[in-house]
Amino acid sequence: MEILLEILSELHPDVDFESCDTLIDDNILDSFDIITLIAEISSEFDVNIPAEEIVPENFNSAKALYALIERLLDQ
């Protein structure tokens, strides 16, 4: 989770990613951020995020995103 929080903080240093759960709903993350996140996550965690997993529910919070990473790692 720490690595993910570092990646997110590099995108938006002013956001408290540990408590925010409306990253998509409040337009904190935009489409370019999502693309950057997917690339960084793929590189750091050695997982590929399939297109069907690129939905707001998976990107609305750091916890949801980390749950997605863990799920993909288990596959």
Protein backbone atom coordinates (compact mmCIF):
# COMPACT_ATOMS: atom_id res chain seq x y z
CA MET A 1 0.00 0.00 0.00
CA GLU A 2 2.89 2.35 0.76
CA ILE A 3 4.17 2.17 -2.82
CA LEU A 4 0.69 2.89 -4.16
CA LEU A 5 0.34 5.91 -1.87
CA GLU A 6 3.71 7.20 -3.12
CA ILE A 7 2.57 6.85 -6.74
CA LEU A 8 -0.68 8.67 -5.99
CA SER A 9 1.11 11.41 -4.05
CA GLU A 10 3.41 12.06 -7.00
CA LEU A 11 0.32 12.75 -9.12
CA HIS A 12 -1.41 15.00 -6.58
CA PRO A 13 0.71 15.90 -3.54
CA ASP A 14 -2.12 18.00 -2.08
CA VAL A 15 -4.61 15.10 -1.70
CA ASP A 16 -4.95 12.90 1.39
CA PHE A 17 -5.21 9.57 -0.41
CA GLU A 18 -5.48 7.59 2.83
CA SER A 19 -8.87 9.08 3.65
CA CYS A 20 -10.29 10.23 0.31
CA ASP A 21 -12.80 7.85 -1.28
CA THR A 22 -14.14 10.09 -4.04
CA LEU A 23 -11.12 10.36 -6.32
CA ILE A 24 -13.17 9.78 -9.47
CA ASP A 25 -16.51 11.17 -8.24
CA ASP A 26 -14.89 14.50 -7.30
CA ASN A 27 -12.72 14.61 -10.45
CA ILE A 28 -9.50 14.50 -8.46
CA LEU A 29 -8.16 11.88 -10.87
CA ASP A 30 -8.70 12.50 -14.56
CA SER A 31 -8.20 10.19 -17.53
CA PHE A 32 -4.52 11.08 -17.87
CA ASP A 33 -3.99 10.29 -14.18
CA ILE A 34 -5.67 6.91 -14.68
CA ILE A 35 -3.40 6.08 -17.61
CA THR A 36 -0.35 7.11 -15.59
CA LEU A 37 -1.55 5.07 -12.61
CA ILE A 38 -2.10 1.97 -14.75
CA ALA A 39 1.41 2.25 -16.19
CA GLU A 40 3.01 2.83 -12.77
CA ILE A 41 1.06 0.00 -11.15
CA SER A 42 1.98 -2.34 -13.98
CA SER A 43 5.64 -1.46 -13.53
CA GLU A 44 5.76 -1.50 -9.71
CA PHE A 45 3.51 -4.48 -9.01
CA ASP A 46 4.02 -6.49 -12.23
CA VAL A 47 0.29 -6.76 -12.92
CA ASN A 48 -1.79 -5.90 -15.95
CA ILE A 49 -5.09 -4.17 -15.31
CA PRO A 50 -7.62 -5.48 -17.84
CA ALA A 51 -9.95 -2.99 -19.53
CA GLU A 52 -13.00 -4.39 -17.73
CA GLU A 53 -11.39 -3.48 -14.37
CA ILE A 54 -10.95 0.18 -15.35
CA VAL A 55 -14.16 1.34 -13.69
CA PRO A 56 -14.74 4.16 -11.20
CA GLU A 57 -15.32 1.78 -8.29
CA ASN A 58 -11.74 0.48 -8.59
CA PHE A 59 -10.16 3.95 -8.76
CA ASN A 60 -12.29 5.97 -6.32
CA SER A 61 -9.93 5.39 -3.39
CA ALA A 62 -6.45 4.12 -2.66
CA LYS A 63 -8.01 1.24 -0.71
CA ALA A 64 -10.15 0.18 -3.68
CA LEU A 65 -7.19 0.45 -6.01
CA TYR A 66 -5.01 -1.59 -3.68
CA ALA A 67 -7.75 -4.23 -3.39
CA LEU A 68 -7.74 -4.45 -7.19
CA ILE A 69 -3.96 -4.89 -7.24
CA GLU A 70 -4.16 -7.64 -4.61
CA ARG A 71 -6.93 -9.38 -6.54
CA LEU A 72 -4.88 -9.27 -9.74
CA LEU A 73 -1.77 -10.54 -7.95
CA ASP A 74 -3.75 -13.54 -6.66
CA GLN A 75 -4.85 -14.57 -10.16
